[in-house]
């Protein structure tokens, strides 16, 4: 499973630029790639796609795409163990 690729596929529906242009290590909120409302919609799509529930308290740590990938990797690793 390539979590980053799957996440970028989901993200493509929520940003107004090609995902290839997004710095996955940079803050997508500060770059203006996504606003708060769209972020919440995107999180819902991520939860549905990966079959998990992400607590609101965990969302604070999502500053970049790489942060979300790391979070999902940890959550999905625990779920499959």
PDB file of N, CA and C in Angstrom:
ATOM      1  N   UNK A   1       0.848  -1.182   0.000  1.00  0.00           N
ATOM      2  CA  UNK A   1       0.000   0.000   0.000  1.00  0.00           C
ATOM      3  C   UNK A   1       0.888   1.238   0.000  1.00  0.00           C
ATOM      4  N   UNK A   2       0.688   2.109  -0.961  1.00  0.00           N
ATOM      5  CA  UNK A   2       1.426   3.363  -1.034  1.00  0.00           C
ATOM      6  C   UNK A   2       0.528   4.474  -0.470  1.00  0.00           C
ATOM      7  N   UNK A   3       0.662   4.719   0.822  1.00  0.00           N
ATOM      8  CA  UNK A   3      -0.208   5.669   1.512  1.00  0.00           C
ATOM      9  C   UNK A   3      -0.076   7.058   0.922  1.00  0.00           C
ATOM     10  N   UNK A   4       1.142   7.473   0.610  1.00  0.00           N
ATOM     11  CA  UNK A   4       1.345   8.821   0.075  1.00  0.00           C
ATOM     12  C   UNK A   4       0.635   8.987  -1.267  1.00  0.00           C
ATOM     13  N   UNK A   5       0.743   7.987  -2.134  1.00  0.00           N
ATOM     14  CA  UNK A   5       0.070   8.074  -3.432  1.00  0.00           C
ATOM     15  C   UNK A   5      -1.442   8.125  -3.251  1.00  0.00           C
ATOM     16  N   UNK A   6      -1.966   7.254  -2.383  1.00  0.00           N
ATOM     17  CA  UNK A   6      -3.409   7.245  -2.145  1.00  0.00           C
ATOM     18  C   UNK A   6      -3.876   8.571  -1.558  1.00  0.00           C
ATOM     19  N   UNK A   7      -3.084   9.130  -0.643  1.00  0.00           N
ATOM     20  CA  UNK A   7      -3.436  10.414  -0.047  1.00  0.00           C
ATOM     21  C   UNK A   7      -3.420  11.530  -1.085  1.00  0.00           C
ATOM     22  N   UNK A   8      -2.423  11.535  -1.950  1.00  0.00           N
ATOM     23  CA  UNK A   8      -2.359  12.546  -3.004  1.00  0.00           C
ATOM     24  C   UNK A   8      -3.525  12.398  -3.984  1.00  0.00           C
ATOM     25  N   UNK A   9      -3.941  11.165  -4.244  1.00  0.00           N
ATOM     26  CA  UNK A   9      -5.114  10.947  -5.099  1.00  0.00           C
ATOM     27  C   UNK A   9      -6.360  11.567  -4.471  1.00  0.00           C
ATOM     28  N   UNK A  10      -6.505  11.411  -3.156  1.00  0.00           N
ATOM     29  CA  UNK A  10      -7.639  12.022  -2.448  1.00  0.00           C
ATOM     30  C   UNK A  10      -7.504  13.535  -2.471  1.00  0.00           C
ATOM     31  N   UNK A  11      -6.318  14.026  -2.190  1.00  0.00           N
ATOM     32  CA  UNK A  11      -6.077  15.464  -2.119  1.00  0.00           C
ATOM     33  C   UNK A  11      -6.386  16.165  -3.437  1.00  0.00           C
ATOM     34  N   UNK A  12      -6.170  15.473  -4.541  1.00  0.00           N
ATOM     35  CA  UNK A  12      -6.399  16.052  -5.868  1.00  0.00           C
ATOM     36  C   UNK A  12      -7.813  16.623  -6.000  1.00  0.00           C
ATOM     37  N   UNK A  13      -8.769  16.028  -5.304  1.00  0.00           N
ATOM     38  CA  UNK A  13     -10.149  16.499  -5.364  1.00  0.00           C
ATOM     39  C   UNK A  13     -10.393  17.752  -4.531  1.00  0.00           C
ATOM     40  N   UNK A  14      -9.421  18.154  -3.718  1.00  0.00           N
ATOM     41  CA  UNK A  14      -9.640  19.243  -2.772  1.00  0.00           C
ATOM     42  C   UNK A  14      -8.734  20.454  -2.957  1.00  0.00           C
ATOM     43  N   UNK A  15      -7.808  20.397  -3.865  1.00  0.00           N
ATOM     44  CA  UNK A  15      -6.921  21.539  -4.105  1.00  0.00           C
ATOM     45  C   UNK A  15      -7.114  22.051  -5.525  1.00  0.00           C
ATOM     46  N   UNK A  16      -6.750  23.300  -5.715  1.00  0.00           N
ATOM     47  CA  UNK A  16      -6.927  23.935  -7.022  1.00  0.00           C
ATOM     48  C   UNK A  16      -5.623  24.016  -7.794  1.00  0.00           C
ATOM     49  N   UNK A  17      -4.722  23.108  -7.482  1.00  0.00           N
ATOM     50  CA  UNK A  17      -3.451  23.050  -8.194  1.00  0.00           C
ATOM     51  C   UNK A  17      -3.083  21.585  -8.357  1.00  0.00           C
ATOM     52  N   UNK A  18      -2.236  21.285  -9.308  1.00  0.00           N
ATOM     53  CA  UNK A  18      -1.795  19.896  -9.430  1.00  0.00           C
ATOM     54  C   UNK A  18      -1.058  19.468  -8.165  1.00  0.00           C
ATOM     55  N   UNK A  19      -1.364  18.283  -7.672  1.00  0.00           N
ATOM     56  CA  UNK A  19      -0.721  17.830  -6.437  1.00  0.00           C
ATOM     57  C   UNK A  19       0.793  17.710  -6.597  1.00  0.00           C
ATOM     58  N   UNK A  20       1.250  17.554  -7.827  1.00  0.00           N
ATOM     59  CA  UNK A  20       2.685  17.481  -8.077  1.00  0.00           C
ATOM     60  C   UNK A  20       3.387  18.781  -7.686  1.00  0.00           C
ATOM     61  N   UNK A  21       2.659  19.883  -7.647  1.00  0.00           N
ATOM     62  CA  UNK A  21       3.235  21.181  -7.302  1.00  0.00           C
ATOM     63  C   UNK A  21       3.239  21.448  -5.802  1.00  0.00           C
ATOM     64  N   UNK A  22       2.615  20.596  -5.022  1.00  0.00           N
ATOM     65  CA  UNK A  22       2.551  20.802  -3.582  1.00  0.00           C
ATOM     66  C   UNK A  22       3.797  20.218  -2.937  1.00  0.00           C
ATOM     67  N   UNK A  23       4.425  21.016  -2.100  1.00  0.00           N
ATOM     68  CA  UNK A  23       5.572  20.557  -1.323  1.00  0.00           C
ATOM     69  C   UNK A  23       5.015  19.719  -0.176  1.00  0.00           C
ATOM     70  N   UNK A  24       5.184  18.402  -0.241  1.00  0.00           N
ATOM     71  CA  UNK A  24       4.570  17.528   0.757  1.00  0.00           C
ATOM     72  C   UNK A  24       5.170  17.711   2.148  1.00  0.00           C
ATOM     73  N   UNK A  25       6.349  18.322   2.227  1.00  0.00           N
ATOM     74  CA  UNK A  25       6.964  18.585   3.522  1.00  0.00           C
ATOM     75  C   UNK A  25       6.572  19.961   4.060  1.00  0.00           C
ATOM     76  N   UNK A  26       6.091  20.831   3.182  1.00  0.00           N
ATOM     77  CA  UNK A  26       5.711  22.182   3.591  1.00  0.00           C
ATOM     78  C   UNK A  26       4.297  22.223   4.145  1.00  0.00           C
ATOM     79  N   UNK A  27       3.989  23.313   4.804  1.00  0.00           N
ATOM     80  CA  UNK A  27       2.661  23.477   5.396  1.00  0.00           C
ATOM     81  C   UNK A  27       1.647  23.801   4.308  1.00  0.00           C
ATOM     82  N   UNK A  28       0.713  22.880   4.072  1.00  0.00           N
ATOM     83  CA  UNK A  28      -0.271  23.105   3.020  1.00  0.00           C
ATOM     84  C   UNK A  28      -1.251  24.199   3.417  1.00  0.00           C
ATOM     85  N   UNK A  29      -1.430  24.446   4.689  1.00  0.00           N
ATOM     86  CA  UNK A  29      -2.322  25.525   5.126  1.00  0.00           C
ATOM     87  C   UNK A  29      -1.686  26.887   4.883  1.00  0.00           C
ATOM     88  N   UNK A  30      -0.390  27.021   5.197  1.00  0.00           N
ATOM     89  CA  UNK A  30       0.289  28.293   5.010  1.00  0.00           C
ATOM     90  C   UNK A  30       0.490  28.625   3.538  1.00  0.00           C
ATOM     91  N   UNK A  31       0.656  27.595   2.717  1.00  0.00           N
ATOM     92  CA  UNK A  31       0.850  27.816   1.286  1.00  0.00           C
ATOM     93  C   UNK A  31      -0.451  28.194   0.589  1.00  0.00           C
ATOM     94  N   UNK A  32      -1.544  28.132   1.315  1.00  0.00           N
ATOM     95  CA  UNK A  32      -2.829  28.466   0.717  1.00  0.00           C
ATOM     96  C   UNK A  32      -3.394  27.376  -0.159  1.00  0.00           C
ATOM     97  N   UNK A  33      -2.817  26.186  -0.066  1.00  0.00           N
ATOM     98  CA  UNK A  33      -3.280  25.078  -0.899  1.00  0.00           C
ATOM     99  C   UNK A  33      -4.653  24.594  -0.461  1.00  0.00           C
ATOM    100  N   UNK A  34      -5.003  24.835   0.815  1.00  0.00           N
ATOM    101  CA  UNK A  34      -6.262  24.315   1.326  1.00  0.00           C
ATOM    102  C   UNK A  34      -6.730  25.176   2.495  1.00  0.00           C
ATOM    103  N   UNK A  35      -8.022  25.462   2.538  1.00  0.00           N
ATOM    104  CA  UNK A  35      -8.545  26.234   3.668  1.00  0.00           C
ATOM    105  C   UNK A  35      -9.146  25.291   4.702  1.00  0.00           C
ATOM    106  N   UNK A  36      -9.572  25.831   5.839  1.00  0.00           N
ATOM    107  CA  UNK A  36     -10.046  25.012   6.962  1.00  0.00           C
ATOM    108  C   UNK A  36     -11.268  24.171   6.607  1.00  0.00           C
ATOM    109  N   UNK A  37     -12.218  24.743   5.896  1.00  0.00           N
ATOM    110  CA  UNK A  37     -13.433  24.010   5.536  1.00  0.00           C
ATOM    111  C   UNK A  37     -13.098  22.833   4.624  1.00  0.00           C
ATOM    112  N   UNK A  38     -12.281  23.083   3.638  1.00  0.00           N
ATOM    113  CA  UNK A  38     -11.885  22.034   2.700  1.00  0.00           C
ATOM    114  C   UNK A  38     -11.040  20.985   3.424  1.00  0.00           C
ATOM    115  N   UNK A  39     -10.231  21.416   4.377  1.00  0.00           N
ATOM    116  CA  UNK A  39      -9.418  20.488   5.159  1.00  0.00           C
ATOM    117  C   UNK A  39     -10.308  19.469   5.871  1.00  0.00           C
ATOM    118  N   UNK A  40     -11.388  19.935   6.483  1.00  0.00           N
ATOM    119  CA  UNK A  40     -12.299  19.036   7.194  1.00  0.00           C
ATOM    120  C   UNK A  40     -12.960  18.064   6.210  1.00  0.00           C
ATOM    121  N   UNK A  41     -13.363  18.542   5.051  1.00  0.00           N
ATOM    122  CA  UNK A  41     -13.933  17.660   4.028  1.00  0.00           C
ATOM    123  C   UNK A  41     -12.910  16.606   3.589  1.00  0.00           C
ATOM    124  N   UNK A  42     -11.673  17.051   3.430  1.00  0.00           N
ATOM    125  CA  UNK A  42     -10.617  16.145   3.012  1.00  0.00           C
ATOM    126  C   UNK A  42     -10.371  15.074   4.081  1.00  0.00           C
ATOM    127  N   UNK A  43     -10.358  15.473   5.349  1.00  0.00           N
ATOM    128  CA  UNK A  43     -10.156  14.513   6.432  1.00  0.00           C
ATOM    129  C   UNK A  43     -11.270  13.464   6.421  1.00  0.00           C
ATOM    130  N   UNK A  44     -12.490  13.894   6.176  1.00  0.00           N
ATOM    131  CA  UNK A  44     -13.603  12.940   6.097  1.00  0.00           C
ATOM    132  C   UNK A  44     -13.383  11.935   4.970  1.00  0.00           C
ATOM    133  N   UNK A  45     -12.887  12.411   3.844  1.00  0.00           N
ATOM    134  CA  UNK A  45     -12.603  11.517   2.718  1.00  0.00           C
ATOM    135  C   UNK A  45     -11.472  10.552   3.057  1.00  0.00           C
ATOM    136  N   UNK A  46     -10.474  11.029   3.788  1.00  0.00           N
ATOM    137  CA  UNK A  46      -9.359  10.176   4.211  1.00  0.00           C
ATOM    138  C   UNK A  46      -9.871   9.091   5.153  1.00  0.00           C
ATOM    139  N   UNK A  47     -10.698   9.491   6.113  1.00  0.00           N
ATOM    140  CA  UNK A  47     -11.261   8.525   7.065  1.00  0.00           C
ATOM    141  C   UNK A  47     -12.052   7.443   6.330  1.00  0.00           C
ATOM    142  N   UNK A  48     -12.863   7.868   5.380  1.00  0.00           N
ATOM    143  CA  UNK A  48     -13.676   6.907   4.627  1.00  0.00           C
ATOM    144  C   UNK A  48     -12.797   5.973   3.794  1.00  0.00           C
ATOM    145  N   UNK A  49     -11.823   6.546   3.103  1.00  0.00           N
ATOM    146  CA  UNK A  49     -10.955   5.760   2.227  1.00  0.00           C
ATOM    147  C   UNK A  49     -10.163   4.710   3.002  1.00  0.00           C
ATOM    148  N   UNK A  50      -9.588   5.109   4.137  1.00  0.00           N
ATOM    149  CA  UNK A  50      -8.729   4.210   4.900  1.00  0.00           C
ATOM    150  C   UNK A  50      -9.480   3.434   5.980  1.00  0.00           C
ATOM    151  N   UNK A  51     -10.766   3.725   6.167  1.00  0.00           N
ATOM    152  CA  UNK A  51     -11.571   2.991   7.132  1.00  0.00           C
ATOM    153  C   UNK A  51     -11.179   3.238   8.580  1.00  0.00           C
ATOM    154  N   UNK A  52     -10.793   4.481   8.866  1.00  0.00           N
ATOM    155  CA  UNK A  52     -10.408   4.835  10.233  1.00  0.00           C
ATOM    156  C   UNK A  52     -11.159   6.096  10.659  1.00  0.00           C
ATOM    157  N   UNK A  53     -11.100   6.367  11.946  1.00  0.00           N
ATOM    158  CA  UNK A  53     -11.640   7.609  12.493  1.00  0.00           C
ATOM    159  C   UNK A  53     -10.468   8.386  13.075  1.00  0.00           C
ATOM    160  N   UNK A  54     -10.348   9.646  12.698  1.00  0.00           N
ATOM    161  CA  UNK A  54      -9.248  10.473  13.170  1.00  0.00           C
ATOM    162  C   UNK A  54      -9.802  11.446  14.219  1.00  0.00           C
ATOM    163  N   UNK A  55      -9.364  11.303  15.473  1.00  0.00           N
ATOM    164  CA  UNK A  55      -9.849  12.219  16.511  1.00  0.00           C
ATOM    165  C   UNK A  55      -9.468  13.669  16.206  1.00  0.00           C
ATOM    166  N   UNK A  56     -10.340  14.589  16.552  1.00  0.00           N
ATOM    167  CA  UNK A  56     -10.074  16.012  16.310  1.00  0.00           C
ATOM    168  C   UNK A  56      -8.755  16.463  16.923  1.00  0.00           C
ATOM    169  N   UNK A  57      -8.411  15.932  18.089  1.00  0.00           N
ATOM    170  CA  UNK A  57      -7.164  16.318  18.753  1.00  0.00           C
ATOM    171  C   UNK A  57      -5.939  15.976  17.899  1.00  0.00           C
ATOM    172  N   UNK A  58      -6.036  14.943  17.077  1.00  0.00           N
ATOM    173  CA  UNK A  58      -4.913  14.550  16.221  1.00  0.00           C
ATOM    174  C   UNK A  58      -4.747  15.473  15.016  1.00  0.00           C
ATOM    175  N   UNK A  59      -5.805  16.146  14.636  1.00  0.00           N
ATOM    176  CA  UNK A  59      -5.755  17.020  13.453  1.00  0.00           C
ATOM    177  C   UNK A  59      -4.792  18.189  13.635  1.00  0.00           C
ATOM    178  N   UNK A  60      -4.567  18.591  14.868  1.00  0.00           N
ATOM    179  CA  UNK A  60      -3.671  19.717  15.154  1.00  0.00           C
ATOM    180  C   UNK A  60      -2.263  19.438  14.634  1.00  0.00           C
ATOM    181  N   UNK A  61      -1.871  18.176  14.646  1.00  0.00           N
ATOM    182  CA  UNK A  61      -0.533  17.806  14.193  1.00  0.00           C
ATOM    183  C   UNK A  61      -0.373  17.736  12.688  1.00  0.00           C
ATOM    184  N   UNK A  62      -1.454  17.906  11.941  1.00  0.00           N
ATOM    185  CA  UNK A  62      -1.395  17.809  10.485  1.00  0.00           C
ATOM    186  C   UNK A  62      -1.020  19.162   9.888  1.00  0.00           C
ATOM    187  N   UNK A  63       0.265  19.380   9.677  1.00  0.00           N
ATOM    188  CA  UNK A  63       0.745  20.630   9.079  1.00  0.00           C
ATOM    189  C   UNK A  63       1.147  20.431   7.614  1.00  0.00           C
ATOM    190  N   UNK A  64       1.480  19.198   7.289  1.00  0.00           N
ATOM    191  CA  UNK A  64       1.927  18.918   5.921  1.00  0.00           C
ATOM    192  C   UNK A  64       1.364  17.567   5.478  1.00  0.00           C
ATOM    193  N   UNK A  65       1.491  17.318   4.208  1.00  0.00           N
ATOM    194  CA  UNK A  65       1.081  16.034   3.663  1.00  0.00           C
ATOM    195  C   UNK A  65       1.919  14.919   4.301  1.00  0.00           C
ATOM    196  N   UNK A  66       3.209  15.184   4.481  1.00  0.00           N
ATOM    197  CA  UNK A  66       4.074  14.180   5.087  1.00  0.00           C
ATOM    198  C   UNK A  66       3.638  13.852   6.516  1.00  0.00           C
ATOM    199  N   UNK A  67       3.124  14.845   7.255  1.00  0.00           N
ATOM    200  CA  UNK A  67       2.594  14.587   8.602  1.00  0.00           C
ATOM    201  C   UNK A  67       1.418  13.624   8.545  1.00  0.00           C
ATOM    202  N   UNK A  68       0.536  13.827   7.581  1.00  0.00           N
ATOM    203  CA  UNK A  68      -0.634  12.957   7.445  1.00  0.00           C
ATOM    204  C   UNK A  68      -0.209  11.551   7.042  1.00  0.00           C
ATOM    205  N   UNK A  69       0.762  11.455   6.136  1.00  0.00           N
ATOM    206  CA  UNK A  69       1.268  10.150   5.712  1.00  0.00           C
ATOM    207  C   UNK A  69       1.862   9.404   6.909  1.00  0.00           C
ATOM    208  N   UNK A  70       2.656  10.093   7.723  1.00  0.00           N
ATOM    209  CA  UNK A  70       3.262   9.459   8.896  1.00  0.00           C
ATOM    210  C   UNK A  70       2.180   9.000   9.876  1.00  0.00           C
ATOM    211  N   UNK A  71       1.193   9.841  10.083  1.00  0.00           N
ATOM    212  CA  UNK A  71       0.089   9.492  10.986  1.00  0.00           C
ATOM    213  C   UNK A  71      -0.648   8.255  10.473  1.00  0.00           C
ATOM    214  N   UNK A  72      -1.001   8.263   9.202  1.00  0.00           N
ATOM    215  CA  UNK A  72      -1.721   7.130   8.627  1.00  0.00           C
ATOM    216  C   UNK A  72      -0.886   5.854   8.664  1.00  0.00           C
ATOM    217  N   UNK A  73       0.400   5.979   8.400  1.00  0.00           N
ATOM    218  CA  UNK A  73       1.278   4.813   8.438  1.00  0.00           C
ATOM    219  C   UNK A  73       1.251   4.176   9.822  1.00  0.00           C
ATOM    220  N   UNK A  74       1.327   5.002  10.847  1.00  0.00           N
ATOM    221  CA  UNK A  74       1.274   4.498  12.212  1.00  0.00           C
ATOM    222  C   UNK A  74      -0.078   3.891  12.557  1.00  0.00           C
ATOM    223  N   UNK A  75      -1.142   4.565  12.183  1.00  0.00           N
ATOM    224  CA  UNK A  75      -2.484   4.065  12.477  1.00  0.00           C
ATOM    225  C   UNK A  75      -2.788   2.781  11.722  1.00  0.00           C
ATOM    226  N   UNK A  76      -2.419   2.719  10.466  1.00  0.00           N
ATOM    227  CA  UNK A  76      -2.726   1.542   9.665  1.00  0.00           C
ATOM    228  C   UNK A  76      -1.851   0.364  10.046  1.00  0.00           C
ATOM    229  N   UNK A  77      -0.624   0.640  10.488  1.00  0.00           N
ATOM    230  CA  UNK A  77       0.277  -0.412  10.960  1.00  0.00           C
ATOM    231  C   UNK A  77      -0.309  -1.058  12.219  1.00  0.00           C
ATOM    232  N   UNK A  78      -0.823  -0.232  13.119  1.00  0.00           N
ATOM    233  CA  UNK A  78      -1.438  -0.727  14.352  1.00  0.00           C
ATOM    234  C   UNK A  78      -2.698  -1.518  14.013  1.00  0.00           C
ATOM    235  N   UNK A  79      -3.475  -1.032  13.056  1.00  0.00           N
ATOM    236  CA  UNK A  79      -4.741  -1.692  12.693  1.00  0.00           C
ATOM    237  C   UNK A  79      -4.504  -3.063  12.074  1.00  0.00           C
ATOM    238  N   UNK A  80      -3.403  -3.239  11.358  1.00  0.00           N
ATOM    239  CA  UNK A  80      -3.150  -4.505  10.699  1.00  0.00           C
ATOM    240  C   UNK A  80      -2.339  -5.468  11.556  1.00  0.00           C
ATOM    241  N   UNK A  81      -1.799  -4.973  12.673  1.00  0.00           N
ATOM    242  CA  UNK A  81      -0.966  -5.836  13.542  1.00  0.00           C
ATOM    243  C   UNK A  81      -1.808  -6.812  14.329  1.00  0.00           C
TER     244      UNK A  81
END
